[in-house]
PDB file of N, CA and C in Angstrom:
ATOM      1  N   MET A   1     144.466  68.313 117.374  1.00  0.00           N
ATOM      2  CA  MET A   1     145.485  67.465 116.802  1.00  0.00           C
ATOM      3  C   MET A   1     146.536  68.364 116.153  1.00  0.00           C
ATOM      4  N   THR A   2     147.767  68.040 116.333  1.00  0.00           N
ATOM      5  CA  THR A   2     148.871  68.732 115.675  1.00  0.00           C
ATOM      6  C   THR A   2     149.509  67.736 114.715  1.00  0.00           C
ATOM      7  N   THR A   3     149.711  68.143 113.468  1.00  0.00           N
ATOM      8  CA  THR A   3     150.285  67.219 112.484  1.00  0.00           C
ATOM      9  C   THR A   3     150.973  67.978 111.363  1.00  0.00           C
ATOM     10  N   HIS A   4     151.883  67.293 110.734  1.00  0.00           N
ATOM     11  CA  HIS A   4     152.494  67.779 109.503  1.00  0.00           C
ATOM     12  C   HIS A   4     152.066  66.890 108.340  1.00  0.00           C
ATOM     13  N   ASP A   5     151.233  65.897 108.612  1.00  0.00           N
ATOM     14  CA  ASP A   5     150.765  64.969 107.579  1.00  0.00           C
ATOM     15  C   ASP A   5     149.578  65.613 106.854  1.00  0.00           C
ATOM     16  N   MET A   6     149.805  66.026 105.622  1.00  0.00           N
ATOM     17  CA  MET A   6     148.791  66.768 104.873  1.00  0.00           C
ATOM     18  C   MET A   6     147.543  65.928 104.589  1.00  0.00           C
ATOM     19  N   GLN A   7     147.700  64.616 104.442  1.00  0.00           N
ATOM     20  CA  GLN A   7     146.528  63.779 104.203  1.00  0.00           C
ATOM     21  C   GLN A   7     145.633  63.737 105.448  1.00  0.00           C
ATOM     22  N   ASP A   8     146.250  63.731 106.646  1.00  0.00           N
ATOM     23  CA  ASP A   8     145.460  63.808 107.886  1.00  0.00           C
ATOM     24  C   ASP A   8     144.650  65.095 107.914  1.00  0.00           C
ATOM     25  N   ILE A   9     145.301  66.179 107.572  1.00  0.00           N
ATOM     26  CA  ILE A   9     144.635  67.482 107.576  1.00  0.00           C
ATOM     27  C   ILE A   9     143.431  67.456 106.644  1.00  0.00           C
ATOM     28  N   GLU A  10     143.663  66.973 105.441  1.00  0.00           N
ATOM     29  CA  GLU A  10     142.613  66.980 104.426  1.00  0.00           C
ATOM     30  C   GLU A  10     141.436  66.094 104.822  1.00  0.00           C
ATOM     31  N   GLN A  11     141.711  64.944 105.450  1.00  0.00           N
ATOM     32  CA  GLN A  11     140.650  63.996 105.778  1.00  0.00           C
ATOM     33  C   GLN A  11     139.956  64.272 107.104  1.00  0.00           C
ATOM     34  N   LEU A  12     140.666  64.845 108.078  1.00  0.00           N
ATOM     35  CA  LEU A  12     140.113  64.926 109.421  1.00  0.00           C
ATOM     36  C   LEU A  12     139.744  66.324 109.905  1.00  0.00           C
ATOM     37  N   ALA A  13     140.412  67.319 109.402  1.00  0.00           N
ATOM     38  CA  ALA A  13     140.258  68.657 109.981  1.00  0.00           C
ATOM     39  C   ALA A  13     139.058  69.405 109.419  1.00  0.00           C
ATOM     40  N   ARG A  14     138.254  69.964 110.312  1.00  0.00           N
ATOM     41  CA  ARG A  14     137.173  70.868 109.916  1.00  0.00           C
ATOM     42  C   ARG A  14     137.662  72.306 110.000  1.00  0.00           C
ATOM     43  N   ARG A  15     138.536  72.543 110.943  1.00  0.00           N
ATOM     44  CA  ARG A  15     139.103  73.870 111.146  1.00  0.00           C
ATOM     45  C   ARG A  15     140.600  73.689 111.321  1.00  0.00           C
ATOM     46  N   LEU A  16     141.365  74.600 110.757  1.00  0.00           N
ATOM     47  CA  LEU A  16     142.802  74.498 110.932  1.00  0.00           C
ATOM     48  C   LEU A  16     143.428  75.838 111.209  1.00  0.00           C
ATOM     49  N   ILE A  17     144.538  75.751 111.890  1.00  0.00           N
ATOM     50  CA  ILE A  17     145.344  76.923 112.194  1.00  0.00           C
ATOM     51  C   ILE A  17     146.726  76.638 111.622  1.00  0.00           C
ATOM     52  N   VAL A  18     147.210  77.540 110.807  1.00  0.00           N
ATOM     53  CA  VAL A  18     148.539  77.400 110.229  1.00  0.00           C
ATOM     54  C   VAL A  18     149.445  78.377 110.959  1.00  0.00           C
ATOM     55  N   ILE A  19     150.525  77.822 111.543  1.00  0.00           N
ATOM     56  CA  ILE A  19     151.475  78.628 112.306  1.00  0.00           C
ATOM     57  C   ILE A  19     152.817  78.570 111.604  1.00  0.00           C
ATOM     58  N   ASN A  20     153.394  79.740 111.373  1.00  0.00           N
ATOM     59  CA  ASN A  20     154.690  79.837 110.713  1.00  0.00           C
ATOM     60  C   ASN A  20     155.645  80.603 111.624  1.00  0.00           C
ATOM     61  N   HIS A  21     156.676  79.920 112.123  1.00  0.00           N
ATOM     62  CA  HIS A  21     157.648  80.521 113.033  1.00  0.00           C
ATOM     63  C   HIS A  21     156.966  81.203 114.213  1.00  0.00           C
ATOM     64  N   GLY A  22     155.999  80.525 114.802  1.00  0.00           N
ATOM     65  CA  GLY A  22     155.313  81.039 115.979  1.00  0.00           C
ATOM     66  C   GLY A  22     154.228  82.054 115.705  1.00  0.00           C
ATOM     67  N   GLU A  23     154.030  82.418 114.453  1.00  0.00           N
ATOM     68  CA  GLU A  23     153.006  83.403 114.099  1.00  0.00           C
ATOM     69  C   GLU A  23     151.847  82.720 113.381  1.00  0.00           C
ATOM     70  N   LYS A  24     150.627  83.005 113.845  1.00  0.00           N
ATOM     71  CA  LYS A  24     149.438  82.436 113.208  1.00  0.00           C
ATOM     72  C   LYS A  24     149.221  83.131 111.865  1.00  0.00           C
ATOM     73  N   VAL A  25     149.250  82.346 110.766  1.00  0.00           N
ATOM     74  CA  VAL A  25     149.060  82.928 109.441  1.00  0.00           C
ATOM     75  C   VAL A  25     147.696  82.600 108.853  1.00  0.00           C
ATOM     76  N   PHE A  26     146.988  81.626 109.471  1.00  0.00           N
ATOM     77  CA  PHE A  26     145.641  81.309 109.005  1.00  0.00           C
ATOM     78  C   PHE A  26     144.887  80.613 110.123  1.00  0.00           C
ATOM     79  N   ASN A  27     143.579  80.901 110.219  1.00  0.00           N
ATOM     80  CA  ASN A  27     142.696  80.253 111.178  1.00  0.00           C
ATOM     81  C   ASN A  27     141.323  80.162 110.519  1.00  0.00           C
ATOM     82  N   GLY A  28     140.894  78.963 110.141  1.00  0.00           N
ATOM     83  CA  GLY A  28     139.595  78.812 109.501  1.00  0.00           C
ATOM     84  C   GLY A  28     139.389  77.419 108.941  1.00  0.00           C
ATOM     85  N   SER A  29     138.448  77.290 108.046  1.00  0.00           N
ATOM     86  CA  SER A  29     138.108  75.991 107.470  1.00  0.00           C
ATOM     87  C   SER A  29     139.008  75.671 106.269  1.00  0.00           C
ATOM     88  N   MET A  30     139.021  74.402 105.888  1.00  0.00           N
ATOM     89  CA  MET A  30     139.779  73.984 104.712  1.00  0.00           C
ATOM     90  C   MET A  30     139.276  74.703 103.467  1.00  0.00           C
ATOM     91  N   GLU A  31     137.965  74.894 103.393  1.00  0.00           N
ATOM     92  CA  GLU A  31     137.372  75.609 102.259  1.00  0.00           C
ATOM     93  C   GLU A  31     137.880  77.046 102.180  1.00  0.00           C
ATOM     94  N   GLU A  32     137.947  77.716 103.332  1.00  0.00           N
ATOM     95  CA  GLU A  32     138.460  79.092 103.369  1.00  0.00           C
ATOM     96  C   GLU A  32     139.945  79.143 103.000  1.00  0.00           C
ATOM     97  N   LEU A  33     140.710  78.174 103.486  1.00  0.00           N
ATOM     98  CA  LEU A  33     142.138  78.106 103.170  1.00  0.00           C
ATOM     99  C   LEU A  33     142.338  77.929 101.667  1.00  0.00           C
ATOM    100  N   THR A  34     141.570  77.028 101.087  1.00  0.00           N
ATOM    101  CA  THR A  34     141.670  76.771  99.651  1.00  0.00           C
ATOM    102  C   THR A  34     141.278  78.010  98.859  1.00  0.00           C
ATOM    103  N   LYS A  35     140.183  78.633  99.249  1.00  0.00           N
ATOM    104  CA  LYS A  35     139.716  79.827  98.530  1.00  0.00           C
ATOM    105  C   LYS A  35     140.746  80.955  98.585  1.00  0.00           C
ATOM    106  N   ARG A  36     141.390  81.108  99.723  1.00  0.00           N
ATOM    107  CA  ARG A  36     142.340  82.205  99.898  1.00  0.00           C
ATOM    108  C   ARG A  36     143.688  81.956  99.215  1.00  0.00           C
ATOM    109  N   TYR A  37     144.173  80.699  99.240  1.00  0.00           N
ATOM    110  CA  TYR A  37     145.543  80.458  98.801  1.00  0.00           C
ATOM    111  C   TYR A  37     145.701  79.586  97.560  1.00  0.00           C
ATOM    112  N   ALA A  38     144.631  79.070  97.008  1.00  0.00           N
ATOM    113  CA  ALA A  38     144.777  78.138  95.887  1.00  0.00           C
ATOM    114  C   ALA A  38     144.608  78.777  94.520  1.00  0.00           C
ATOM    115  N   GLY A  39     144.464  80.080  94.452  1.00  0.00           N
ATOM    116  CA  GLY A  39     144.174  80.769  93.202  1.00  0.00           C
ATOM    117  C   GLY A  39     145.067  80.434  92.029  1.00  0.00           C
ATOM    118  N   GLN A  40     146.381  80.366  92.218  1.00  0.00           N
ATOM    119  CA  GLN A  40     147.307  80.102  91.115  1.00  0.00           C
ATOM    120  C   GLN A  40     147.856  78.679  91.150  1.00  0.00           C
ATOM    121  N   LEU A  41     147.210  77.790  91.867  1.00  0.00           N
ATOM    122  CA  LEU A  41     147.773  76.471  92.082  1.00  0.00           C
ATOM    123  C   LEU A  41     147.194  75.388  91.187  1.00  0.00           C
ATOM    124  N   ARG A  42     146.472  75.768  90.177  1.00  0.00           N
ATOM    125  CA  ARG A  42     145.957  74.778  89.241  1.00  0.00           C
ATOM    126  C   ARG A  42     146.956  74.647  88.097  1.00  0.00           C
ATOM    127  N   SER A  43     147.094  73.449  87.578  1.00  0.00           N
ATOM    128  CA  SER A  43     148.045  73.281  86.479  1.00  0.00           C
ATOM    129  C   SER A  43     147.469  72.403  85.378  1.00  0.00           C
ATOM    130  N   PHE A  44     147.915  72.709  84.187  1.00  0.00           N
ATOM    131  CA  PHE A  44     147.542  71.976  82.980  1.00  0.00           C
ATOM    132  C   PHE A  44     148.867  71.567  82.345  1.00  0.00           C
ATOM    133  N   ARG A  45     149.157  70.267  82.370  1.00  0.00           N
ATOM    134  CA  ARG A  45     150.389  69.762  81.766  1.00  0.00           C
ATOM    135  C   ARG A  45     150.038  68.998  80.510  1.00  0.00           C
ATOM    136  N   PHE A  46     150.864  69.161  79.501  1.00  0.00           N
ATOM    137  CA  PHE A  46     150.617  68.407  78.281  1.00  0.00           C
ATOM    138  C   PHE A  46     151.913  68.176  77.518  1.00  0.00           C
ATOM    139  N   THR A  47     151.835  67.207  76.622  1.00  0.00           N
ATOM    140  CA  THR A  47     152.941  66.886  75.739  1.00  0.00           C
ATOM    141  C   THR A  47     152.482  67.170  74.318  1.00  0.00           C
ATOM    142  N   LEU A  48     153.282  67.918  73.608  1.00  0.00           N
ATOM    143  CA  LEU A  48     152.968  68.248  72.211  1.00  0.00           C
ATOM    144  C   LEU A  48     153.335  67.085  71.293  1.00  0.00           C
ATOM    145  N   GLN A  49     152.553  66.878  70.246  1.00  0.00           N
ATOM    146  CA  GLN A  49     152.915  65.894  69.223  1.00  0.00           C
ATOM    147  C   GLN A  49     154.035  66.437  68.348  1.00  0.00           C
ATOM    148  N   GLU A  50     154.016  67.733  68.123  1.00  0.00           N
ATOM    149  CA  GLU A  50     155.029  68.408  67.310  1.00  0.00           C
ATOM    150  C   GLU A  50     155.531  69.614  68.087  1.00  0.00           C
ATOM    151  N   ASP A  51     156.828  69.869  67.987  1.00  0.00           N
ATOM    152  CA  ASP A  51     157.393  70.989  68.739  1.00  0.00           C
ATOM    153  C   ASP A  51     156.836  72.322  68.248  1.00  0.00           C
ATOM    154  N   ALA A  52     156.654  73.220  69.175  1.00  0.00           N
ATOM    155  CA  ALA A  52     156.224  74.587  68.877  1.00  0.00           C
ATOM    156  C   ALA A  52     157.242  75.513  69.528  1.00  0.00           C
ATOM    157  N   GLU A  53     157.671  76.510  68.805  1.00  0.00           N
ATOM    158  CA  GLU A  53     158.674  77.432  69.336  1.00  0.00           C
ATOM    159  C   GLU A  53     158.160  78.131  70.595  1.00  0.00           C
ATOM    160  N   LYS A  54     156.894  78.482  70.575  1.00  0.00           N
ATOM    161  CA  LYS A  54     156.304  79.255  71.666  1.00  0.00           C
ATOM    162  C   LYS A  54     154.849  78.816  71.845  1.00  0.00           C
ATOM    163  N   ILE A  55     154.383  78.778  73.085  1.00  0.00           N
ATOM    164  CA  ILE A  55     152.981  78.481  73.372  1.00  0.00           C
ATOM    165  C   ILE A  55     152.262  79.812  73.540  1.00  0.00           C
ATOM    166  N   GLU A  56     151.276  80.021  72.701  1.00  0.00           N
ATOM    167  CA  GLU A  56     150.520  81.273  72.751  1.00  0.00           C
ATOM    168  C   GLU A  56     149.105  81.003  73.245  1.00  0.00           C
ATOM    169  N   LEU A  57     148.639  81.892  74.091  1.00  0.00           N
ATOM    170  CA  LEU A  57     147.290  81.813  74.648  1.00  0.00           C
ATOM    171  C   LEU A  57     146.519  83.057  74.261  1.00  0.00           C
ATOM    172  N   PRO A  58     145.184  82.994  74.321  1.00  0.00           N
ATOM    173  CA  PRO A  58     144.394  84.207  74.079  1.00  0.00           C
ATOM    174  C   PRO A  58     144.832  85.321  75.044  1.00  0.00           C
ATOM    175  N   GLU A  59     144.868  86.522  74.558  1.00  0.00           N
ATOM    176  CA  GLU A  59     145.352  87.686  75.310  1.00  0.00           C
ATOM    177  C   GLU A  59     144.677  87.821  76.675  1.00  0.00           C
ATOM    178  N   ARG A  60     143.384  87.499  76.761  1.00  0.00           N
ATOM    179  CA  ARG A  60     142.655  87.645  78.033  1.00  0.00           C
ATOM    180  C   ARG A  60     143.140  86.668  79.106  1.00  0.00           C
ATOM    181  N   MET A  61     143.804  85.569  78.704  1.00  0.00           N
ATOM    182  CA  MET A  61     144.295  84.564  79.658  1.00  0.00           C
ATOM    183  C   MET A  61     145.722  84.853  80.135  1.00  0.00           C
ATOM    184  N   VAL A  62     146.490  85.557  79.330  1.00  0.00           N
ATOM    185  CA  VAL A  62     147.922  85.742  79.570  1.00  0.00           C
ATOM    186  C   VAL A  62     148.252  86.252  80.979  1.00  0.00           C
ATOM    187  N   PRO A  63     147.544  87.255  81.526  1.00  0.00           N
ATOM    188  CA  PRO A  63     147.919  87.749  82.862  1.00  0.00           C
ATOM    189  C   PRO A  63     147.722  86.727  83.983  1.00  0.00           C
ATOM    190  N   TYR A  64     146.943  85.680  83.745  1.00  0.00           N
ATOM    191  CA  TYR A  64     146.594  84.715  84.785  1.00  0.00           C
ATOM    192  C   TYR A  64     147.288  83.374  84.598  1.00  0.00           C
ATOM    193  N   CYS A  65     148.231  83.303  83.652  1.00  0.00           N
ATOM    194  CA  CYS A  65     148.892  82.040  83.328  1.00  0.00           C
ATOM    195  C   CYS A  65     150.403  82.201  83.350  1.00  0.00           C
ATOM    196  N   SER A  66     151.066  81.147  83.768  1.00  0.00           N
ATOM    197  CA  SER A  66     152.521  81.068  83.725  1.00  0.00           C
ATOM    198  C   SER A  66     152.874  79.804  82.951  1.00  0.00           C
ATOM    199  N   ILE A  67     153.672  79.938  81.903  1.00  0.00           N
ATOM    200  CA  ILE A  67     153.977  78.816  81.019  1.00  0.00           C
ATOM    201  C   ILE A  67     155.435  78.410  81.182  1.00  0.00           C
ATOM    202  N   THR A  68     155.648  77.096  81.359  1.00  0.00           N
ATOM    203  CA  THR A  68     156.985  76.520  81.395  1.00  0.00           C
ATOM    204  C   THR A  68     157.044  75.463  80.301  1.00  0.00           C
ATOM    205  N   LYS A  69     158.051  75.568  79.437  1.00  0.00           N
ATOM    206  CA  LYS A  69     158.176  74.633  78.314  1.00  0.00           C
ATOM    207  C   LYS A  69     159.543  73.980  78.361  1.00  0.00           C
ATOM    208  N   ASP A  70     159.565  72.655  78.257  1.00  0.00           N
ATOM    209  CA  ASP A  70     160.802  71.888  78.218  1.00  0.00           C
ATOM    210  C   ASP A  70     160.682  70.894  77.068  1.00  0.00           C
ATOM    211  N   GLY A  71     161.163  71.292  75.906  1.00  0.00           N
ATOM    212  CA  GLY A  71     161.008  70.452  74.715  1.00  0.00           C
ATOM    213  C   GLY A  71     159.543  70.339  74.343  1.00  0.00           C
ATOM    214  N   LEU A  72     159.048  69.110  74.292  1.00  0.00           N
ATOM    215  CA  LEU A  72     157.646  68.871  73.955  1.00  0.00           C
ATOM    216  C   LEU A  72     156.720  68.954  75.175  1.00  0.00           C
ATOM    217  N   HIS A  73     157.306  69.064  76.372  1.00  0.00           N
ATOM    218  CA  HIS A  73     156.518  69.065  77.603  1.00  0.00           C
ATOM    219  C   HIS A  73     156.250  70.489  78.069  1.00  0.00           C
ATOM    220  N   VAL A  74     154.980  70.769  78.341  1.00  0.00           N
ATOM    221  CA  VAL A  74     154.564  72.122  78.715  1.00  0.00           C
ATOM    222  C   VAL A  74     153.707  72.055  79.980  1.00  0.00           C
ATOM    223  N   THR A  75     153.949  72.989  80.893  1.00  0.00           N
ATOM    224  CA  THR A  75     153.107  73.135  82.083  1.00  0.00           C
ATOM    225  C   THR A  75     152.607  74.570  82.122  1.00  0.00           C
ATOM    226  N   ILE A  76     151.307  74.713  82.305  1.00  0.00           N
ATOM    227  CA  ILE A  76     150.702  76.036  82.467  1.00  0.00           C
ATOM    228  C   ILE A  76     150.069  76.082  83.851  1.00  0.00           C
ATOM    229  N   GLN A  77     150.581  76.966  84.710  1.00  0.00           N
ATOM    230  CA  GLN A  77     149.957  77.249  85.995  1.00  0.00           C
ATOM    231  C   GLN A  77     148.938  78.351  85.719  1.00  0.00           C
ATOM    232  N   TYR A  78     147.731  78.187  86.194  1.00  0.00           N
ATOM    233  CA  TYR A  78     146.706  79.192  85.908  1.00  0.00           C
ATOM    234  C   TYR A  78     145.817  79.419  87.112  1.00  0.00           C
ATOM    235  N   GLY A  79     145.180  80.574  87.108  1.00  0.00           N
ATOM    236  CA  GLY A  79     144.283  80.938  88.198  1.00  0.00           C
ATOM    237  C   GLY A  79     143.058  81.655  87.681  1.00  0.00           C
ATOM    238  N   ASP A  80     142.213  82.041  88.614  1.00  0.00           N
ATOM    239  CA  ASP A  80     140.988  82.754  88.265  1.00  0.00           C
ATOM    240  C   ASP A  80     141.348  84.021  87.501  1.00  0.00           C
ATOM    241  N   PRO A  81     140.613  84.379  86.508  1.00  0.00           N
ATOM    242  CA  PRO A  81     139.331  83.865  86.038  1.00  0.00           C
ATOM    243  C   PRO A  81     139.434  82.821  84.918  1.00  0.00           C
ATOM    244  N   VAL A  82     140.611  82.259  84.665  1.00  0.00           N
ATOM    245  CA  VAL A  82     140.763  81.270  83.591  1.00  0.00           C
ATOM    246  C   VAL A  82     140.072  79.975  83.988  1.00  0.00           C
ATOM    247  N   GLU A  83     139.256  79.460  83.085  1.00  0.00           N
ATOM    248  CA  GLU A  83     138.563  78.196  83.289  1.00  0.00           C
ATOM    249  C   GLU A  83     139.273  77.114  82.483  1.00  0.00           C
ATOM    250  N   VAL A  84     139.359  75.931  83.036  1.00  0.00           N
ATOM    251  CA  VAL A  84     140.072  74.844  82.359  1.00  0.00           C
ATOM    252  C   VAL A  84     139.446  74.502  81.007  1.00  0.00           C
ATOM    253  N   THR A  85     138.137  74.629  80.877  1.00  0.00           N
ATOM    254  CA  THR A  85     137.494  74.333  79.591  1.00  0.00           C
ATOM    255  C   THR A  85     137.940  75.317  78.512  1.00  0.00           C
ATOM    256  N   ASP A  86     138.057  76.598  78.876  1.00  0.00           N
ATOM    257  CA  ASP A  86     138.518  77.606  77.914  1.00  0.00           C
ATOM    258  C   ASP A  86     139.987  77.408  77.564  1.00  0.00           C
ATOM    259  N   LEU A  87     140.790  77.063  78.567  1.00  0.00           N
ATOM    260  CA  LEU A  87     142.209  76.826  78.336  1.00  0.00           C
ATOM    261  C   LEU A  87     142.401  75.612  77.422  1.00  0.00           C
ATOM    262  N   THR A  88     141.677  74.548  77.689  1.00  0.00           N
ATOM    263  CA  THR A  88     141.759  73.336  76.865  1.00  0.00           C
ATOM    264  C   THR A  88     141.345  73.632  75.430  1.00  0.00           C
ATOM    265  N   ALA A  89     140.243  74.335  75.253  1.00  0.00           N
ATOM    266  CA  ALA A  89     139.759  74.661  73.907  1.00  0.00           C
ATOM    267  C   ALA A  89     140.782  75.504  73.154  1.00  0.00           C
ATOM    268  N   ALA A  90     141.392  76.478  73.833  1.00  0.00           N
ATOM    269  CA  ALA A  90     142.386  77.338  73.187  1.00  0.00           C
ATOM    270  C   ALA A  90     143.596  76.529  72.740  1.00  0.00           C
ATOM    271  N   LEU A  91     144.040  75.608  73.574  1.00  0.00           N
ATOM    272  CA  LEU A  91     145.211  74.800  73.231  1.00  0.00           C
ATOM    273  C   LEU A  91     144.910  73.794  72.125  1.00  0.00           C
ATOM    274  N   LEU A  92     143.768  73.112  72.230  1.00  0.00           N
ATOM    275  CA  LEU A  92     143.409  72.120  71.215  1.00  0.00           C
ATOM    276  C   LEU A  92     143.118  72.761  69.867  1.00  0.00           C
ATOM    277  N   GLY A  93     142.692  74.010  69.870  1.00  0.00           N
ATOM    278  CA  GLY A  93     142.436  74.715  68.623  1.00  0.00           C
ATOM    279  C   GLY A  93     143.710  75.130  67.903  1.00  0.00           C
ATOM    280  N   LYS A  94     144.843  75.110  68.604  1.00  0.00           N
ATOM    281  CA  LYS A  94     146.081  75.624  68.022  1.00  0.00           C
ATOM    282  C   LYS A  94     147.214  74.585  67.954  1.00  0.00           C
ATOM    283  N   TYR A  95     147.192  73.596  68.862  1.00  0.00           N
ATOM    284  CA  TYR A  95     148.293  72.630  68.960  1.00  0.00           C
ATOM    285  C   TYR A  95     147.757  71.203  68.956  1.00  0.00           C
ATOM    286  N   LYS A  96     148.599  70.272  68.510  1.00  0.00           N
ATOM    287  CA  LYS A  96     148.270  68.847  68.580  1.00  0.00           C
ATOM    288  C   LYS A  96     148.893  68.298  69.853  1.00  0.00           C
ATOM    289  N   LEU A  97     148.039  67.835  70.755  1.00  0.00           N
ATOM    290  CA  LEU A  97     148.509  67.332  72.044  1.00  0.00           C
ATOM    291  C   LEU A  97     148.560  65.810  72.031  1.00  0.00           C
ATOM    292  N   ALA A  98     149.655  65.258  72.540  1.00  0.00           N
ATOM    293  CA  ALA A  98     149.800  63.808  72.636  1.00  0.00           C
ATOM    294  C   ALA A  98     149.234  63.293  73.957  1.00  0.00           C
ATOM    295  N   ASP A  99     149.332  64.114  74.993  1.00  0.00           N
ATOM    296  CA  ASP A  99     148.904  63.701  76.320  1.00  0.00           C
ATOM    297  C   ASP A  99     148.637  64.957  77.133  1.00  0.00           C
ATOM    298  N   MET A 100     147.749  64.858  78.131  1.00  0.00           N
ATOM    299  CA  MET A 100     147.503  66.005  78.996  1.00  0.00           C
ATOM    300  C   MET A 100     147.072  65.555  80.374  1.00  0.00           C
ATOM    301  N   GLU A 101     147.344  66.418  81.359  1.00  0.00           N
ATOM    302  CA  GLU A 101     146.982  66.174  82.753  1.00  0.00           C
ATOM    303  C   GLU A 101     146.533  67.503  83.355  1.00  0.00           C
ATOM    304  N   ILE A 102     145.396  67.476  84.020  1.00  0.00           N
ATOM    305  CA  ILE A 102     144.861  68.669  84.666  1.00  0.00           C
ATOM    306  C   ILE A 102     144.860  68.400  86.167  1.00  0.00           C
ATOM    307  N   LYS A 103     145.502  69.288  86.939  1.00  0.00           N
ATOM    308  CA  LYS A 103     145.581  69.119  88.380  1.00  0.00           C
ATOM    309  C   LYS A 103     145.009  70.322  89.090  1.00  0.00           C
ATOM    310  N   GLY A 104     144.184  70.036  90.058  1.00  0.00           N
ATOM    311  CA  GLY A 104     143.689  71.090  90.925  1.00  0.00           C
ATOM    312  C   GLY A 104     144.690  71.336  92.032  1.00  0.00           C
ATOM    313  N   PRO A 105     144.398  72.259  92.901  1.00  0.00           N
ATOM    314  CA  PRO A 105     145.324  72.564  93.983  1.00  0.00           C
ATOM    315  C   PRO A 105     145.488  71.377  94.929  1.00  0.00           C
ATOM    316  N   GLN A 106     146.708  71.079  95.299  1.00  0.00           N
ATOM    317  CA  GLN A 106     147.012  70.009  96.241  1.00  0.00           C
ATOM    318  C   GLN A 106     147.186  70.615  97.633  1.00  0.00           C
ATOM    319  N   ILE A 107     146.794  69.886  98.655  1.00  0.00           N
ATOM    320  CA  ILE A 107     146.840  70.404 100.023  1.00  0.00           C
ATOM    321  C   ILE A 107     148.244  70.866 100.404  1.00  0.00           C
ATOM    322  N   ASP A 108     149.273  70.132  99.997  1.00  0.00           N
ATOM    323  CA  ASP A 108     150.652  70.531 100.318  1.00  0.00           C
ATOM    324  C   ASP A 108     150.959  71.927  99.757  1.00  0.00           C
ATOM    325  N   ASP A 109     150.544  72.146  98.519  1.00  0.00           N
ATOM    326  CA  ASP A 109     150.806  73.429  97.867  1.00  0.00           C
ATOM    327  C   ASP A 109     150.006  74.565  98.490  1.00  0.00           C
ATOM    328  N   ILE A 110     148.779  74.265  98.908  1.00  0.00           N
ATOM    329  CA  ILE A 110     147.935  75.291  99.531  1.00  0.00           C
ATOM    330  C   ILE A 110     148.534  75.732 100.866  1.00  0.00           C
ATOM    331  N   VAL A 111     148.953  74.770 101.679  1.00  0.00           N
ATOM    332  CA  VAL A 111     149.546  75.108 102.968  1.00  0.00           C
ATOM    333  C   VAL A 111     150.855  75.865 102.769  1.00  0.00           C
ATOM    334  N   MET A 112     151.665  75.447 101.779  1.00  0.00           N
ATOM    335  CA  MET A 112     152.910  76.154 101.501  1.00  0.00           C
ATOM    336  C   MET A 112     152.631  77.607 101.084  1.00  0.00           C
ATOM    337  N   ALA A 113     151.579  77.816 100.293  1.00  0.00           N
ATOM    338  CA  ALA A 113     151.205  79.181  99.891  1.00  0.00           C
ATOM    339  C   ALA A 113     150.805  80.006 101.108  1.00  0.00           C
ATOM    340  N   ALA A 114     150.142  79.373 102.093  1.00  0.00           N
ATOM    341  CA  ALA A 114     149.775  80.084 103.317  1.00  0.00           C
ATOM    342  C   ALA A 114     151.027  80.494 104.091  1.00  0.00           C
ATOM    343  N   TYR A 115     152.019  79.607 104.147  1.00  0.00           N
ATOM    344  CA  TYR A 115     153.279  79.942 104.812  1.00  0.00           C
ATOM    345  C   TYR A 115     153.985  81.108 104.147  1.00  0.00           C
ATOM    346  N   GLN A 116     153.900  81.164 102.821  1.00  0.00           N
ATOM    347  CA  GLN A 116     154.598  82.200 102.073  1.00  0.00           C
ATOM    348  C   GLN A 116     153.843  83.524 102.076  1.00  0.00           C
ATOM    349  N   GLY A 117     152.583  83.473 102.532  1.00  0.00           N
ATOM    350  CA  GLY A 117     151.818  84.696 102.679  1.00  0.00           C
ATOM    351  C   GLY A 117     151.121  85.069 101.434  1.00  0.00           C
TER     352      GLY A 117
END
């Protein structure tokens, strides 16, 4: 089957081949694709109850996290070896959060990462 519908891929494919401009960039299972390309694709979004000038994380997490702040809204993209439980504990210990959302890697983002190499 050939498709650009990511939900089809996720639900039906046991093995996939990703082709970018005629060049095969991946050939394997969905699990292998996720393991190889989803490392930095997890995100932790939250809204602060009170504004903070800067979001600080424990030093050991800093190399594996990217922080984007827009007013009270913050998104942290993170990858291995950072665990969501440790990230949550670090944030809750320092900031008052009004709302939060934790997202794992989405198939669209994983395939896009494969295209980008």
